PDB file of all heavy atoms in Angstrom:
ATOM      1  N   ALA A   1       0.822  -1.219   0.000  1.00  0.00           N
ATOM      2  CA  ALA A   1       0.000   0.000   0.000  1.00  0.00           C
ATOM      3  C   ALA A   1       0.852   1.264   0.000  1.00  0.00           C
ATOM      4  O   ALA A   1       0.321   2.377  -0.110  1.00  0.00           O
ATOM      5  CB  ALA A   1      -0.934  -0.003   1.201  1.00  0.00           C
ATOM      6  N   GLY A   2       2.175   1.107   0.145  1.00  0.00           N
ATOM      7  CA  GLY A   2       3.076   2.264   0.142  1.00  0.00           C
ATOM      8  C   GLY A   2       3.314   2.866   1.514  1.00  0.00           C
ATOM      9  O   GLY A   2       3.784   4.004   1.620  1.00  0.00           O
ATOM     10  N   TYR A   3       3.023   2.085   2.556  1.00  0.00           N
ATOM     11  CA  TYR A   3       3.172   2.607   3.923  1.00  0.00           C
ATOM     12  C   TYR A   3       4.153   1.757   4.736  1.00  0.00           C
ATOM     13  O   TYR A   3       3.974   1.542   5.926  1.00  0.00           O
ATOM     14  CB  TYR A   3       1.815   2.633   4.636  1.00  0.00           C
ATOM     15  CG  TYR A   3       0.823   3.575   4.003  1.00  0.00           C
ATOM     16  CD1 TYR A   3      -0.364   3.095   3.448  1.00  0.00           C
ATOM     17  CD2 TYR A   3       1.055   4.946   3.961  1.00  0.00           C
ATOM     18  CE1 TYR A   3      -1.286   3.949   2.859  1.00  0.00           C
ATOM     19  CE2 TYR A   3       0.145   5.814   3.377  1.00  0.00           C
ATOM     20  CZ  TYR A   3      -1.021   5.312   2.832  1.00  0.00           C
ATOM     21  OH  TYR A   3      -1.938   6.168   2.263  1.00  0.00           O
ATOM     22  N   ASP A   4       5.212   1.313   4.080  1.00  0.00           N
ATOM     23  CA  ASP A   4       6.182   0.481   4.792  1.00  0.00           C
ATOM     24  C   ASP A   4       6.925   1.247   5.877  1.00  0.00           C
ATOM     25  O   ASP A   4       7.494   0.657   6.798  1.00  0.00           O
ATOM     26  CB  ASP A   4       7.177  -0.133   3.811  1.00  0.00           C
ATOM     27  CG  ASP A   4       7.801   0.898   2.897  1.00  0.00           C
ATOM     28  OD1 ASP A   4       7.058   1.684   2.287  1.00  0.00           O
ATOM     29  OD2 ASP A   4       9.044   0.930   2.810  1.00  0.00           O
ATOM     30  N   LYS A   5       6.881   2.583   5.810  1.00  0.00           N
ATOM     31  CA  LYS A   5       7.504   3.400   6.860  1.00  0.00           C
ATOM     32  C   LYS A   5       6.533   3.720   7.993  1.00  0.00           C
ATOM     33  O   LYS A   5       6.905   4.366   8.978  1.00  0.00           O
ATOM     34  CB  LYS A   5       8.053   4.688   6.260  1.00  0.00           C
ATOM     35  CG  LYS A   5       9.207   4.465   5.294  1.00  0.00           C
ATOM     36  CD  LYS A   5       9.779   5.782   4.787  1.00  0.00           C
ATOM     37  CE  LYS A   5      10.954   5.541   3.846  1.00  0.00           C
ATOM     38  NZ  LYS A   5      11.508   6.820   3.316  1.00  0.00           N
ATOM     39  N   GLY A   6       5.308   3.272   7.835  1.00  0.00           N
ATOM     40  CA  GLY A   6       4.333   3.431   8.897  1.00  0.00           C
ATOM     41  C   GLY A   6       3.637   4.775   8.909  1.00  0.00           C
ATOM     42  O   GLY A   6       3.887   5.647   8.069  1.00  0.00           O
ATOM     43  N   PHE A   7       2.771   4.960   9.900  1.00  0.00           N
ATOM     44  CA  PHE A   7       2.018   6.207  10.089  1.00  0.00           C
ATOM     45  C   PHE A   7       1.384   6.157  11.476  1.00  0.00           C
ATOM     46  O   PHE A   7       1.567   5.188  12.218  1.00  0.00           O
ATOM     47  CB  PHE A   7       0.945   6.367   9.007  1.00  0.00           C
ATOM     48  CG  PHE A   7       0.053   5.164   8.831  1.00  0.00           C
ATOM     49  CD1 PHE A   7      -1.080   4.998   9.612  1.00  0.00           C
ATOM     50  CD2 PHE A   7       0.345   4.197   7.869  1.00  0.00           C
ATOM     51  CE1 PHE A   7      -1.899   3.904   9.464  1.00  0.00           C
ATOM     52  CE2 PHE A   7      -0.474   3.088   7.707  1.00  0.00           C
ATOM     53  CZ  PHE A   7      -1.597   2.940   8.512  1.00  0.00           C
ATOM     54  N   SER A   8       0.634   7.178  11.811  1.00  0.00           N
ATOM     55  CA  SER A   8       0.004   7.261  13.140  1.00  0.00           C
ATOM     56  C   SER A   8      -1.513   7.244  13.016  1.00  0.00           C
ATOM     57  O   SER A   8      -2.087   7.788  12.073  1.00  0.00           O
ATOM     58  CB  SER A   8       0.431   8.546  13.860  1.00  0.00           C
ATOM     59  OG  SER A   8       1.822   8.552  14.094  1.00  0.00           O
ATOM     60  N   LEU A   9      -2.161   6.608  13.992  1.00  0.00           N
ATOM     61  CA  LEU A   9      -3.616   6.551  14.067  1.00  0.00           C
ATOM     62  C   LEU A   9      -4.069   6.709  15.512  1.00  0.00           C
ATOM     63  O   LEU A   9      -3.335   6.341  16.446  1.00  0.00           O
ATOM     64  CB  LEU A   9      -4.144   5.202  13.552  1.00  0.00           C
ATOM     65  CG  LEU A   9      -4.252   4.983  12.041  1.00  0.00           C
ATOM     66  CD1 LEU A   9      -4.673   3.535  11.773  1.00  0.00           C
ATOM     67  CD2 LEU A   9      -5.262   5.944  11.422  1.00  0.00           C
ATOM     68  N   SER A  10      -5.272   7.222  15.691  1.00  0.00           N
ATOM     69  CA  SER A  10      -5.869   7.275  17.024  1.00  0.00           C
ATOM     70  C   SER A  10      -6.782   6.063  17.214  1.00  0.00           C
ATOM     71  O   SER A  10      -7.298   5.494  16.248  1.00  0.00           O
ATOM     72  CB  SER A  10      -6.691   8.561  17.200  1.00  0.00           C
ATOM     73  OG  SER A  10      -7.769   8.593  16.274  1.00  0.00           O
ATOM     74  N   LEU A  11      -6.981   5.670  18.453  1.00  0.00           N
ATOM     75  CA  LEU A  11      -7.885   4.573  18.800  1.00  0.00           C
ATOM     76  C   LEU A  11      -8.723   5.022  19.990  1.00  0.00           C
ATOM     77  O   LEU A  11      -8.203   5.218  21.086  1.00  0.00           O
ATOM     78  CB  LEU A  11      -7.102   3.299  19.139  1.00  0.00           C
ATOM     79  CG  LEU A  11      -7.902   2.107  19.686  1.00  0.00           C
ATOM     80  CD1 LEU A  11      -8.974   1.674  18.685  1.00  0.00           C
ATOM     81  CD2 LEU A  11      -6.966   0.944  20.028  1.00  0.00           C
ATOM     82  N   MET A  12     -10.022   5.187  19.780  1.00  0.00           N
ATOM     83  CA  MET A  12     -10.906   5.668  20.837  1.00  0.00           C
ATOM     84  C   MET A  12     -11.401   4.514  21.718  1.00  0.00           C
ATOM     85  O   MET A  12     -11.747   3.442  21.226  1.00  0.00           O
ATOM     86  CB  MET A  12     -12.127   6.376  20.254  1.00  0.00           C
ATOM     87  CG  MET A  12     -11.846   7.669  19.529  1.00  0.00           C
ATOM     88  SD  MET A  12     -13.343   8.710  19.379  1.00  0.00           S
ATOM     89  CE  MET A  12     -14.483   7.610  18.533  1.00  0.00           C
ATOM     90  N   ILE A  13     -11.447   4.797  23.016  1.00  0.00           N
ATOM     91  CA  ILE A  13     -12.051   3.893  23.989  1.00  0.00           C
ATOM     92  C   ILE A  13     -12.899   4.731  24.936  1.00  0.00           C
ATOM     93  O   ILE A  13     -12.869   5.963  24.892  1.00  0.00           O
ATOM     94  CB  ILE A  13     -11.003   3.097  24.797  1.00  0.00           C
ATOM     95  CG1 ILE A  13     -10.103   4.061  25.598  1.00  0.00           C
ATOM     96  CG2 ILE A  13     -10.179   2.201  23.891  1.00  0.00           C
ATOM     97  CD1 ILE A  13      -9.186   3.353  26.583  1.00  0.00           C
ATOM     98  N   SER A  14     -13.649   4.063  25.798  1.00  0.00           N
ATOM     99  CA  SER A  14     -14.390   4.743  26.856  1.00  0.00           C
ATOM    100  C   SER A  14     -14.270   3.922  28.131  1.00  0.00           C
ATOM    101  O   SER A  14     -14.345   2.685  28.083  1.00  0.00           O
ATOM    102  CB  SER A  14     -15.861   4.908  26.494  1.00  0.00           C
ATOM    103  OG  SER A  14     -16.602   5.424  27.590  1.00  0.00           O
ATOM    104  N   PRO A  15     -14.107   4.577  29.280  1.00  0.00           N
ATOM    105  CA  PRO A  15     -14.034   3.837  30.542  1.00  0.00           C
ATOM    106  C   PRO A  15     -15.340   3.130  30.887  1.00  0.00           C
ATOM    107  O   PRO A  15     -15.372   2.290  31.787  1.00  0.00           O
ATOM    108  CB  PRO A  15     -13.703   4.932  31.573  1.00  0.00           C
ATOM    109  CG  PRO A  15     -14.134   6.217  30.938  1.00  0.00           C
ATOM    110  CD  PRO A  15     -13.916   6.030  29.472  1.00  0.00           C
ATOM    111  N   THR A  16     -16.404   3.444  30.166  1.00  0.00           N
ATOM    112  CA  THR A  16     -17.685   2.779  30.387  1.00  0.00           C
ATOM    113  C   THR A  16     -17.560   1.269  30.224  1.00  0.00           C
ATOM    114  O   THR A  16     -18.219   0.503  30.927  1.00  0.00           O
ATOM    115  CB  THR A  16     -18.733   3.317  29.394  1.00  0.00           C
ATOM    116  OG1 THR A  16     -18.893   4.716  29.618  1.00  0.00           O
ATOM    117  CG2 THR A  16     -20.072   2.628  29.575  1.00  0.00           C
ATOM    118  N   ILE A  17     -16.715   0.837  29.290  1.00  0.00           N
ATOM    119  CA  ILE A  17     -16.466  -0.592  29.096  1.00  0.00           C
ATOM    120  C   ILE A  17     -15.010  -0.844  29.472  1.00  0.00           C
ATOM    121  O   ILE A  17     -14.093  -0.623  28.670  1.00  0.00           O
ATOM    122  CB  ILE A  17     -16.765  -1.020  27.652  1.00  0.00           C
ATOM    123  CG1 ILE A  17     -18.245  -0.744  27.332  1.00  0.00           C
ATOM    124  CG2 ILE A  17     -16.442  -2.501  27.440  1.00  0.00           C
ATOM    125  CD1 ILE A  17     -18.691  -1.171  25.960  1.00  0.00           C
ATOM    126  N   PRO A  18     -14.759  -1.289  30.708  1.00  0.00           N
ATOM    127  CA  PRO A  18     -13.384  -1.377  31.221  1.00  0.00           C
ATOM    128  C   PRO A  18     -12.486  -2.333  30.463  1.00  0.00           C
ATOM    129  O   PRO A  18     -11.263  -2.172  30.472  1.00  0.00           O
ATOM    130  CB  PRO A  18     -13.586  -1.821  32.681  1.00  0.00           C
ATOM    131  CG  PRO A  18     -14.952  -2.400  32.745  1.00  0.00           C
ATOM    132  CD  PRO A  18     -15.763  -1.665  31.726  1.00  0.00           C
ATOM    133  N   GLU A  19     -13.069  -3.331  29.785  1.00  0.00           N
ATOM    134  CA  GLU A  19     -12.236  -4.277  29.031  1.00  0.00           C
ATOM    135  C   GLU A  19     -11.528  -3.608  27.859  1.00  0.00           C
ATOM    136  O   GLU A  19     -10.534  -4.146  27.342  1.00  0.00           O
ATOM    137  CB  GLU A  19     -13.091  -5.434  28.500  1.00  0.00           C
ATOM    138  CG  GLU A  19     -13.582  -6.402  29.564  1.00  0.00           C
ATOM    139  CD  GLU A  19     -14.893  -5.951  30.194  1.00  0.00           C
ATOM    140  OE1 GLU A  19     -15.377  -4.840  29.844  1.00  0.00           O
ATOM    141  OE2 GLU A  19     -15.424  -6.688  31.040  1.00  0.00           O
ATOM    142  N   TRP A  20     -12.036  -2.476  27.427  1.00  0.00           N
ATOM    143  CA  TRP A  20     -11.465  -1.857  26.225  1.00  0.00           C
ATOM    144  C   TRP A  20     -10.039  -1.356  26.424  1.00  0.00           C
ATOM    145  O   TRP A  20      -9.220  -1.449  25.516  1.00  0.00           O
ATOM    146  CB  TRP A  20     -12.358  -0.702  25.767  1.00  0.00           C
ATOM    147  CG  TRP A  20     -13.593  -1.161  25.057  1.00  0.00           C
ATOM    148  CD1 TRP A  20     -13.952  -2.465  24.780  1.00  0.00           C
ATOM    149  CD2 TRP A  20     -14.637  -0.344  24.531  1.00  0.00           C
ATOM    150  NE1 TRP A  20     -15.160  -2.496  24.125  1.00  0.00           N
ATOM    151  CE2 TRP A  20     -15.603  -1.212  23.947  1.00  0.00           C
ATOM    152  CE3 TRP A  20     -14.858   1.030  24.496  1.00  0.00           C
ATOM    153  CZ2 TRP A  20     -16.759  -0.737  23.349  1.00  0.00           C
ATOM    154  CZ3 TRP A  20     -16.009   1.506  23.886  1.00  0.00           C
ATOM    155  CH2 TRP A  20     -16.950   0.633  23.327  1.00  0.00           C
ATOM    156  N   ARG A  21      -9.732  -0.807  27.599  1.00  0.00           N
ATOM    157  CA  ARG A  21      -8.373  -0.263  27.785  1.00  0.00           C
ATOM    158  C   ARG A  21      -7.299  -1.343  27.650  1.00  0.00           C
ATOM    159  O   ARG A  21      -6.349  -1.162  26.884  1.00  0.00           O
ATOM    160  CB  ARG A  21      -8.256   0.474  29.121  1.00  0.00           C
ATOM    161  CG  ARG A  21      -6.825   0.952  29.393  1.00  0.00           C
ATOM    162  CD  ARG A  21      -6.729   1.966  30.497  1.00  0.00           C
ATOM    163  NE  ARG A  21      -7.272   3.261  30.086  1.00  0.00           N
ATOM    164  CZ  ARG A  21      -6.604   4.145  29.369  1.00  0.00           C
ATOM    165  NH1 ARG A  21      -5.363   3.876  28.939  1.00  0.00           N
ATOM    166  NH2 ARG A  21      -7.148   5.289  29.038  1.00  0.00           N
ATOM    167  N   PRO A  22      -7.373  -2.453  28.381  1.00  0.00           N
ATOM    168  CA  PRO A  22      -6.317  -3.461  28.190  1.00  0.00           C
ATOM    169  C   PRO A  22      -6.268  -4.006  26.771  1.00  0.00           C
ATOM    170  O   PRO A  22      -5.181  -4.293  26.251  1.00  0.00           O
ATOM    171  CB  PRO A  22      -6.669  -4.553  29.211  1.00  0.00           C
ATOM    172  CG  PRO A  22      -8.079  -4.298  29.609  1.00  0.00           C
ATOM    173  CD  PRO A  22      -8.304  -2.849  29.464  1.00  0.00           C
ATOM    174  N   MET A  23      -7.425  -4.140  26.126  1.00  0.00           N
ATOM    175  CA  MET A  23      -7.410  -4.594  24.732  1.00  0.00           C
ATOM    176  C   MET A  23      -6.759  -3.544  23.833  1.00  0.00           C
ATOM    177  O   MET A  23      -6.014  -3.879  22.904  1.00  0.00           O
ATOM    178  CB  MET A  23      -8.833  -4.900  24.258  1.00  0.00           C
ATOM    179  CG  MET A  23      -9.402  -6.195  24.814  1.00  0.00           C
ATOM    180  SD  MET A  23     -10.848  -6.789  23.868  1.00  0.00           S
ATOM    181  CE  MET A  23     -12.096  -5.599  24.348  1.00  0.00           C
ATOM    182  N   ALA A  24      -7.033  -2.272  24.121  1.00  0.00           N
ATOM    183  CA  ALA A  24      -6.436  -1.189  23.326  1.00  0.00           C
ATOM    184  C   ALA A  24      -4.925  -1.185  23.448  1.00  0.00           C
ATOM    185  O   ALA A  24      -4.207  -0.934  22.474  1.00  0.00           O
ATOM    186  CB  ALA A  24      -7.012   0.153  23.776  1.00  0.00           C
ATOM    187  N   LEU A  25      -4.424  -1.478  24.639  1.00  0.00           N
ATOM    188  CA  LEU A  25      -2.977  -1.505  24.842  1.00  0.00           C
ATOM    189  C   LEU A  25      -2.329  -2.655  24.077  1.00  0.00           C
ATOM    190  O   LEU A  25      -1.217  -2.526  23.549  1.00  0.00           O
ATOM    191  CB  LEU A  25      -2.663  -1.601  26.338  1.00  0.00           C
ATOM    192  CG  LEU A  25      -3.106  -0.395  27.180  1.00  0.00           C
ATOM    193  CD1 LEU A  25      -2.783  -0.622  28.653  1.00  0.00           C
ATOM    194  CD2 LEU A  25      -2.454   0.889  26.679  1.00  0.00           C
ATOM    195  N   VAL A  26      -3.033  -3.790  23.992  1.00  0.00           N
ATOM    196  CA  VAL A  26      -2.521  -4.915  23.207  1.00  0.00           C
ATOM    197  C   VAL A  26      -2.502  -4.540  21.723  1.00  0.00           C
ATOM    198  O   VAL A  26      -1.519  -4.795  21.014  1.00  0.00           O
ATOM    199  CB  VAL A  26      -3.384  -6.176  23.432  1.00  0.00           C
ATOM    200  CG1 VAL A  26      -3.012  -7.268  22.430  1.00  0.00           C
ATOM    201  CG2 VAL A  26      -3.216  -6.684  24.855  1.00  0.00           C
TER     202      VAL A  26
END
């Protein structure tokens, strides 16, 4: 795709669902 040097993205979570933070870190 032409992105072998990488790029940055955001990933939204909410503390309402506590499982999301540890999954987001993985």
